[in-house]
Each structure stands twice: as structure tokens, then as C-alpha cells.
Protein backbone atom coordinates (compact mmCIF):
# COMPACT_ATOMS: atom_id res chain seq x y z
CA UNK A 1 102.37 103.92 103.06
CA UNK A 2 102.06 103.20 99.26
CA UNK A 3 105.08 103.05 97.19
CA UNK A 4 105.34 104.77 94.04
CA UNK A 5 107.32 101.98 92.76
CA UNK A 6 107.08 98.03 93.86
CA UNK A 7 109.94 96.95 96.05
CA UNK A 8 111.58 93.55 95.72
CA UNK A 9 110.37 91.33 98.05
CA UNK A 10 112.25 88.10 97.03
CA UNK A 11 114.22 86.59 99.96
CA UNK A 12 117.85 87.49 99.85
CA UNK A 13 120.62 85.23 101.81
CA UNK A 14 121.31 87.03 104.89
CA UNK A 15 124.55 85.44 106.56
CA UNK A 16 123.37 84.90 110.32
CA UNK A 17 125.13 86.28 113.07
CA UNK A 18 127.93 83.59 114.45
CA UNK A 19 127.35 84.89 118.02
CA UNK A 20 124.60 84.38 119.64
CA UNK A 21 123.44 86.59 122.60
CA UNK A 22 122.11 85.48 125.68
CA UNK A 23 120.53 82.26 124.73
CA UNK A 24 120.61 80.84 128.11
CA UNK A 25 117.38 79.99 129.64
CA UNK A 26 117.15 81.48 132.95
CA UNK A 27 113.95 82.90 134.20
CA UNK A 28 113.36 86.15 135.87
CA UNK A 29 110.36 86.40 138.47
CA UNK A 30 107.80 89.26 138.20
CA UNK A 31 104.85 90.28 140.35
CA UNK A 32 102.03 87.54 140.32
CA UNK A 33 98.97 89.36 138.34
CA UNK A 34 96.65 88.56 136.06
CA UNK A 35 98.04 89.38 132.37
CA UNK A 36 96.32 92.35 131.35
CA UNK A 37 94.64 91.76 127.69
CA UNK A 38 94.82 94.10 125.35
CA UNK A 39 91.91 95.83 123.75
CA UNK A 40 90.47 95.89 120.05
CA UNK A 41 90.76 92.12 120.90
CA UNK A 42 90.60 89.79 117.87
CA UNK A 43 87.40 87.92 119.14
CA UNK A 44 85.80 91.37 118.21
CA UNK A 45 86.16 92.45 114.67
CA UNK A 46 84.34 95.46 115.67
CA UNK A 47 87.14 96.90 117.84
CA UNK A 48 85.69 96.04 121.12
CA UNK A 49 87.08 94.21 123.83
CA UNK A 50 87.51 90.58 124.71
CA UNK A 51 88.80 89.45 127.87
CA UNK A 52 91.11 86.25 126.78
CA UNK A 53 92.40 85.46 129.97
CA UNK A 54 94.46 82.54 129.96
CA UNK A 55 93.12 79.98 127.34
CA UNK A 56 91.90 76.72 128.76
CA UNK A 57 94.83 74.48 129.60
CA UNK A 58 97.60 76.76 129.56
CA UNK A 59 98.68 77.29 133.17
CA UNK A 60 100.22 80.98 133.82
CA UNK A 61 103.92 80.04 135.53
CA UNK A 62 103.80 83.95 137.23
CA UNK A 63 107.20 84.45 135.53
CA UNK A 64 108.00 85.61 131.97
CA UNK A 65 110.99 83.75 130.51
CA UNK A 66 114.12 85.25 129.26
CA UNK A 67 116.52 83.99 126.89
CA UNK A 68 115.30 84.91 123.25
CA UNK A 69 113.15 82.61 121.82
CA UNK A 70 115.29 79.42 122.63
CA UNK A 71 113.11 79.64 125.73
CA UNK A 72 109.79 79.04 123.66
CA UNK A 73 109.67 75.02 125.22
CA UNK A 74 105.99 75.00 125.12
CA UNK A 75 105.92 76.58 121.25
CA UNK A 76 104.55 73.41 119.52
CA UNK A 77 101.62 73.41 122.48
CA UNK A 78 100.65 77.42 122.22
CA UNK A 79 96.46 77.91 121.72
CA UNK A 80 95.04 79.03 118.72
CA UNK A 81 94.03 82.70 119.47
CA UNK A 82 91.69 82.95 116.62
CA UNK A 83 89.99 79.80 117.71
CA UNK A 84 86.56 82.19 118.45
CA UNK A 85 85.82 82.54 114.92
CA UNK A 86 86.01 85.59 112.29
CA UNK A 87 82.73 86.94 113.27
CA UNK A 88 80.43 89.46 110.96
CA UNK A 89 81.43 92.80 111.22
CA UNK A 90 85.50 93.43 110.06
CA UNK A 91 86.62 96.90 110.45
CA UNK A 92 89.33 98.15 108.25
CA UNK A 93 93.05 98.31 109.79
CA UNK A 94 94.00 101.71 109.30
CA UNK A 95 97.63 102.88 107.92
CA UNK A 96 100.23 104.71 109.71
CA UNK A 97 103.66 105.94 108.55
CA UNK A 98 106.67 103.90 107.18
CA UNK A 99 109.24 105.62 109.14
CA UNK A 100 112.73 105.36 108.09
CA UNK A 101 113.91 102.46 109.66
CA UNK A 102 112.24 100.00 106.85
CA UNK A 103 114.60 97.51 105.79
CA UNK A 104 115.61 94.30 103.32
CA UNK A 105 113.37 91.52 104.84
CA UNK A 106 114.07 87.82 105.25
CA UNK A 107 111.71 85.09 104.73
CA UNK A 108 111.19 83.50 107.88
CA UNK A 109 109.20 82.48 111.23
CA UNK A 110 111.97 83.12 113.64
CA UNK A 111 113.45 86.64 113.47
CA UNK A 112 115.66 87.29 116.44
CA UNK A 113 118.69 85.96 115.21
CA UNK A 114 119.12 84.48 118.64
CA UNK A 115 118.90 87.95 120.26
CA UNK A 116 118.31 87.65 123.85
CA UNK A 117 115.18 89.32 125.45
CA UNK A 118 111.38 87.92 126.45
CA UNK A 119 110.41 85.89 123.80
CA UNK A 120 106.94 86.39 121.93
CA UNK A 121 104.79 84.53 119.67
CA UNK A 122 103.47 86.94 117.33
CA UNK A 123 100.40 85.60 115.72
CA UNK A 124 98.27 87.03 112.82
CA UNK A 125 94.86 86.47 111.17
CA UNK A 126 94.46 88.34 107.91
CA UNK A 127 91.18 89.05 106.49
CA UNK A 128 89.05 90.83 103.81
CA UNK A 129 85.94 93.33 104.79
CA UNK A 130 83.61 90.50 104.66
CA UNK A 131 85.61 88.51 107.35
CA UNK A 132 87.03 86.03 104.76
CA UNK A 133 90.31 84.88 104.89
CA UNK A 134 92.98 85.68 102.66
CA UNK A 135 95.82 83.14 101.45
CA UNK A 136 98.76 84.27 99.96
CA UNK A 137 99.15 87.96 101.34
CA UNK A 138 102.62 88.50 102.54
CA UNK A 139 103.26 90.21 106.23
CA UNK A 140 106.42 92.04 106.89
CA UNK A 141 107.44 92.95 110.06
CA UNK A 142 109.75 94.68 111.49
CA UNK A 143 110.48 96.38 115.20
CA UNK A 144 113.13 97.73 117.38
CA UNK A 145 115.24 95.16 119.79
CA UNK A 146 115.20 95.22 123.16
CA UNK A 147 117.63 97.81 123.37
CA UNK A 148 115.86 100.07 121.54
CA UNK A 149 117.85 99.67 118.21
CA UNK A 150 116.92 98.43 114.72
CA UNK A 151 118.92 96.50 112.85
CA UNK A 152 120.29 96.64 109.25
CA UNK A 153 123.43 98.70 107.10
CA UNK A 154 120.34 99.23 104.61
CA UNK A 155 118.38 101.19 107.37
CA UNK A 156 118.70 104.86 108.19
CA UNK A 157 121.74 105.27 109.89
CA UNK A 158 120.12 106.63 112.98
CA UNK A 159 118.10 103.70 113.37
CA UNK A 160 121.14 101.47 114.15
CA UNK A 161 122.53 104.85 115.88
CA UNK A 162 126.20 103.87 114.27
CA UNK A 163 125.76 100.45 116.47
CA UNK A 164 128.06 98.33 114.50
CA UNK A 165 126.12 94.76 115.79
CA UNK A 166 123.07 96.05 115.25
CA UNK A 167 124.29 97.20 111.39
CA UNK A 168 125.54 94.27 110.74
CA UNK A 169 122.73 92.15 112.01
CA UNK A 170 118.99 91.55 110.33
CA UNK A 171 117.12 90.78 113.61
CA UNK A 172 113.56 91.80 114.08
CA UNK A 173 112.87 91.56 110.28
CA UNK A 174 110.94 88.98 108.60
CA UNK A 175 108.03 87.99 106.04
CA UNK A 176 105.73 85.19 105.51
CA UNK A 177 102.78 84.04 103.90
CA UNK A 178 99.40 83.64 105.15
CA UNK A 179 98.06 80.13 104.69
CA UNK A 180 94.12 79.07 103.80
CA UNK A 181 92.88 80.67 107.25
CA UNK A 182 95.04 83.74 106.67
CA UNK A 183 97.17 82.90 109.55
CA UNK A 184 100.88 83.74 109.85
CA UNK A 185 103.41 83.49 112.76
CA UNK A 186 106.45 85.18 114.12
CA UNK A 187 108.61 83.99 116.68
CA UNK A 188 110.60 87.51 118.18
CA UNK A 189 111.57 88.90 121.29
CA UNK A 190 109.64 91.73 123.09
CA UNK A 191 110.46 95.42 121.62
CA UNK A 192 112.28 98.09 123.56
CA UNK A 193 111.75 101.23 124.13
CA UNK A 194 113.29 104.55 122.33
CA UNK A 195 112.82 108.20 123.17
CA UNK A 196 109.56 109.79 121.48
CA UNK A 197 107.60 106.81 120.58
CA UNK A 198 105.61 104.21 122.52
CA UNK A 199 106.74 100.50 122.39
CA UNK A 200 105.18 99.31 118.67
CA UNK A 201 105.91 97.22 115.95
CA UNK A 202 105.50 97.79 112.25
CA UNK A 203 104.04 96.12 109.75
CA UNK A 204 103.07 95.52 105.81
CA UNK A 205 100.34 93.76 104.20
CA UNK A 206 101.10 92.73 100.16
CA UNK A 207 98.74 90.98 97.97
CA UNK A 208 100.21 90.02 94.51
CA UNK A 209 103.26 92.14 95.34
CA UNK A 210 100.78 95.00 95.85
CA UNK A 211 100.87 97.08 99.13
CA UNK A 212 97.30 97.05 100.65
CA UNK A 213 98.34 98.59 104.30
CA UNK A 214 101.58 99.73 105.99
CA UNK A 215 100.67 100.25 109.88
CA UNK A 216 101.77 99.71 113.40
CA UNK A 217 100.76 98.06 116.32
CA UNK A 218 101.39 98.20 120.21
CA UNK A 219 101.01 96.66 123.45
CA UNK A 220 99.17 97.23 126.53
CA UNK A 221 100.65 100.32 128.45
CA UNK A 222 100.44 98.23 131.97
CA UNK A 223 101.90 95.44 130.37
CA UNK A 224 104.91 97.35 128.69
CA UNK A 225 105.99 99.07 132.19
CA UNK A 226 105.88 95.69 133.92
CA UNK A 227 108.29 94.53 131.17
CA UNK A 228 110.62 97.34 131.10
CA UNK A 229 110.65 97.85 134.97
CA UNK A 230 111.47 94.52 136.00
CA UNK A 231 112.75 92.01 133.15
CA UNK A 232 116.20 91.22 132.54
CA UNK A 233 117.87 93.31 129.45
CA UNK A 234 114.59 95.64 129.55
CA UNK A 235 115.15 97.39 132.74
CA UNK A 236 118.69 98.46 132.60
CA UNK A 237 117.57 101.76 130.32
CA UNK A 238 114.81 103.38 132.79
CA UNK A 239 111.62 104.56 132.54
CA UNK A 240 110.60 105.14 129.02
CA UNK A 241 109.57 108.92 127.94
CA UNK A 242 106.31 107.98 126.18
CA UNK A 243 103.54 105.84 126.49
CA UNK A 244 100.33 104.75 124.33
CA UNK A 245 98.63 108.16 126.04
CA UNK A 246 101.26 110.73 124.37
CA UNK A 247 102.54 108.74 121.90
CA UNK A 248 103.74 110.98 118.78
CA UNK A 249 102.21 108.64 115.92
CA UNK A 250 99.15 107.21 117.68
CA UNK A 251 96.05 109.03 119.50
CA UNK A 252 95.34 107.90 122.89
CA UNK A 253 92.04 107.78 121.71
CA UNK A 254 92.49 105.33 118.60
CA UNK A 255 95.49 103.38 120.27
CA UNK A 256 92.93 100.65 121.82
CA UNK A 257 91.87 99.44 118.22
CA UNK A 258 95.89 98.74 117.20
CA UNK A 259 96.55 96.82 120.69
CA UNK A 260 97.47 93.27 120.58
CA UNK A 261 95.78 90.64 122.43
CA UNK A 262 98.23 89.14 124.69
CA UNK A 263 98.90 86.31 127.29
CA UNK A 264 101.42 84.40 129.22
CA UNK A 265 101.97 80.80 128.06
CA UNK A 266 103.21 77.98 130.26
CA UNK A 267 106.89 78.55 129.32
CA UNK A 268 106.82 82.15 130.35
CA UNK A 269 106.35 83.20 126.60
CA UNK A 270 104.19 85.81 125.41
CA UNK A 271 101.56 85.09 123.11
CA UNK A 272 100.81 87.97 121.08
CA UNK A 273 97.70 88.08 118.33
CA UNK A 274 96.18 90.19 116.13
CA UNK A 275 93.70 90.54 113.27
CA UNK A 276 94.08 92.76 110.69
CA UNK A 277 91.40 93.25 107.98
CA UNK A 278 92.41 94.69 104.38
CA UNK A 279 90.50 96.80 101.35
CA UNK A 280 88.76 94.31 99.25
CA UNK A 281 90.42 96.49 96.53
CA UNK A 282 93.24 98.89 96.19
CA UNK A 283 90.63 101.26 94.43
CA UNK A 284 88.76 101.37 97.78
CA UNK A 285 89.80 104.62 100.11
CA UNK A 286 91.97 103.55 103.11
CA UNK A 287 92.09 104.90 106.29
CA UNK A 288 94.45 106.52 108.51
CA UNK A 289 95.36 105.97 112.36
CA UNK A 290 94.46 109.34 114.07
CA UNK A 291 97.82 111.07 114.90
CA UNK A 292 99.18 111.63 118.35
CA UNK A 293 99.36 114.71 120.49
CA UNK A 294 103.08 113.99 121.01
CA UNK A 295 104.59 113.91 124.31
CA UNK A 296 108.16 114.65 126.20
CA UNK A 297 110.38 115.32 123.24
CA UNK A 298 107.64 114.95 120.37
CA UNK A 299 106.98 117.23 117.64
CA UNK A 300 107.92 120.74 119.10
CA UNK A 301 109.62 119.37 122.23
CA UNK A 302 112.83 120.47 123.61
CA UNK A 303 115.66 119.93 120.88
CA UNK A 304 113.44 120.27 118.11
CA UNK A 305 114.41 116.61 116.69
CA UNK A 306 110.97 115.35 116.71
CA UNK A 307 111.29 113.35 119.85
CA UNK A 308 113.81 110.87 118.28
CA UNK A 309 117.15 112.05 120.21
CA UNK A 310 118.67 109.58 122.88
CA UNK A 311 117.15 108.68 126.19
CA UNK A 312 119.04 110.54 129.04
CA UNK A 313 122.42 109.71 130.26
CA UNK A 314 124.33 109.94 126.99
CA UNK A 315 124.70 106.21 126.74
CA UNK A 316 125.42 106.28 122.97
CA UNK A 317 124.98 103.01 121.77
CA UNK A 318 121.74 102.63 123.58
CA UNK A 319 120.04 105.53 121.42
CA UNK A 320 117.48 105.54 119.38
CA UNK A 321 116.63 106.77 115.87
CA UNK A 322 117.03 110.64 115.72
CA UNK A 323 115.26 111.11 112.26
CA UNK A 324 116.04 109.90 108.62
CA UNK A 325 119.92 110.52 108.89
CA UNK A 326 120.11 111.58 105.21
CA UNK A 327 119.16 108.22 103.96
CA UNK A 328 115.32 108.37 104.11
CA UNK A 329 113.10 105.12 103.69
CA UNK A 330 112.37 103.16 100.66
CA UNK A 331 110.57 104.45 97.70
CA UNK A 332 107.17 106.63 98.67
CA UNK A 333 107.83 106.29 102.06
CA UNK A 334 107.68 108.45 105.18
CA UNK A 335 110.89 109.83 106.39
CA UNK A 336 109.74 111.10 109.94
CA UNK A 337 109.22 108.76 113.03
CA UNK A 338 110.27 105.70 112.95
């Protein structure tokens, strides 16, 4: 969402955590099936489906890797998910809430800080509505870790749930600047879930220091369930309570336009890609993602906390955000659902 005052995006010197979590390269077997490809593919700027399948030359190993970004042994040979070109019809990327979990970002490609999890290469391409690439735009991304916690002592306390390690870290936050093709990549781990929200990644696109769009992206539900139900670290908390069909922020009818296109790489990492379309000028009206209907624990649900309470089981440190904790987001941001 637009801020009433510009935000300082100058890179800050951050002390990286001294202890890397789960840097081992063990691999976990999963059911062998064709990886489901998300809707709203980058091969079709109008928002239709393009089945990317397995890129030519990429052999699906039949398992997901674990151990974080250190397990991305074949990263140098990952294919270009945007090789099909830009097309001729580019539909504007609509905005969504900022949420209370935004915090100071760091200029870097690998945003994992050695955190364990299923390694993911996030590939983005930023275009204008005439399908031309945007060079020099900054893309700021942030998301919860595999345990469902955000990082940073400057995020709302509810986002880190008071976890000391999460507060002292800066994991899963980063900013990069697009090249001449409008391209930028991040290396990260697959996000975890927390109550009241489907799995998602936040982002903000800025050009010349001005915010053009703040929104969220999602993953196919079958893919989410496969990872949560079968993969180490992700399977420790049980089934999630919110999916793309009953999320509190995005409607089931519109979520397809905001799904990553995904495929599994030869080293078991995920390549997740998305093209983002920004306005030609800030004076142009911005669209908004249709909101969700809510679900278990959602708006109006049990407890009246907007669905941000912790998962069942009273696990304390594994719980998700409960609101803004009285701290709130950056100026002009939405203090509601993360």
C-alpha cells in the first residue's frame, strides 16, 4: 500500500547469524508425481495458464531437497523461466495489504541467512503494461520461515511471536534491483504456514524510490499440501487451517492470477517464477486484489482475532502473528492481516 512518506531503502549492515541452521544436504523422498504448475503463468501475460512442465534438459529427481540454499548444487544451470518472451498483453498486477510484518530489508540475493528448509529460487520479471521491461526497479520481498515466523526486531512483536532467534535474525527479507531485462532473482526457502492465512510471499516494487505496487503471491494448494505433509521441518506442525480457497486476503476466484509458476530442479530445489506488471505512471489508478471470504479463525471466526492466533497445540514459539502487537507497519501501511 502507498506510504505517506518515503521509506529509506538504503542497505543496512546486518550481522548474520553465527550459527547456520540445518546446513546438511540430506534429501527427503516424496511421492513421485508430475509437479503441478501454478496458474497465471508467465508464459501468458493475460493471466491464463501455461503448463511449463519440466524444462527441456532439466531432469526431475523425484524428491525435494532440504538443508536450505546450500543444497542448490545445480543453481548455475537453472533454466530461464521467461525464455518464451513477454507476449503482447500485460495485465496490471493488483495491490494487496502490506501487513504488520514488514521490517528493514537488506540488499542481497540469498535471503535465507542459512536457515534450513526446502531451497527455492524466486525468479521475477518486472514489465510495464506495454510489456517492456523495467530496468532499475527495486523488488523488496519478505515472507515467513518454515516454522511460520517472520524475522526482525523491528517487525511487530506478534510477527516473531516473541521468539528470540526470530527477533535477532533478518531471514527471508531482501531487496534487489532489476537488470535491463527487468529480471531479478532471490534464493530462499519455501515459506511455512500460520493460522488464518494461506502460504504467501509479500513484495513491493519501487521505481525511483516511489512505490508502484505492494502485493502478495501464492503457491498451488496441491504443492503446498505435498510439502507441508511430507517434507522435513514443514511436517512438524500438522495440517494448515487455511488454503487458497478460504484465505482471508485473496479470493478463491482471483488467486489463480497470483500463483507462482513452479518446477523442480535436478538438485531437488524449486524454481518459482512470476512476471509482475506495474503502472506506467503513479497517476494511473491502481487495482486491488479481491479480498477473501475468510475461513477457520478468519474475520468473524472463533476468538475474534482475525485468524492470527497460533495453531492448535499450544506450541508457543511455533505460533503465527496475532495482529500488530501495538507496533504497526511502516507509515501508510495496513496494520491488519500479515
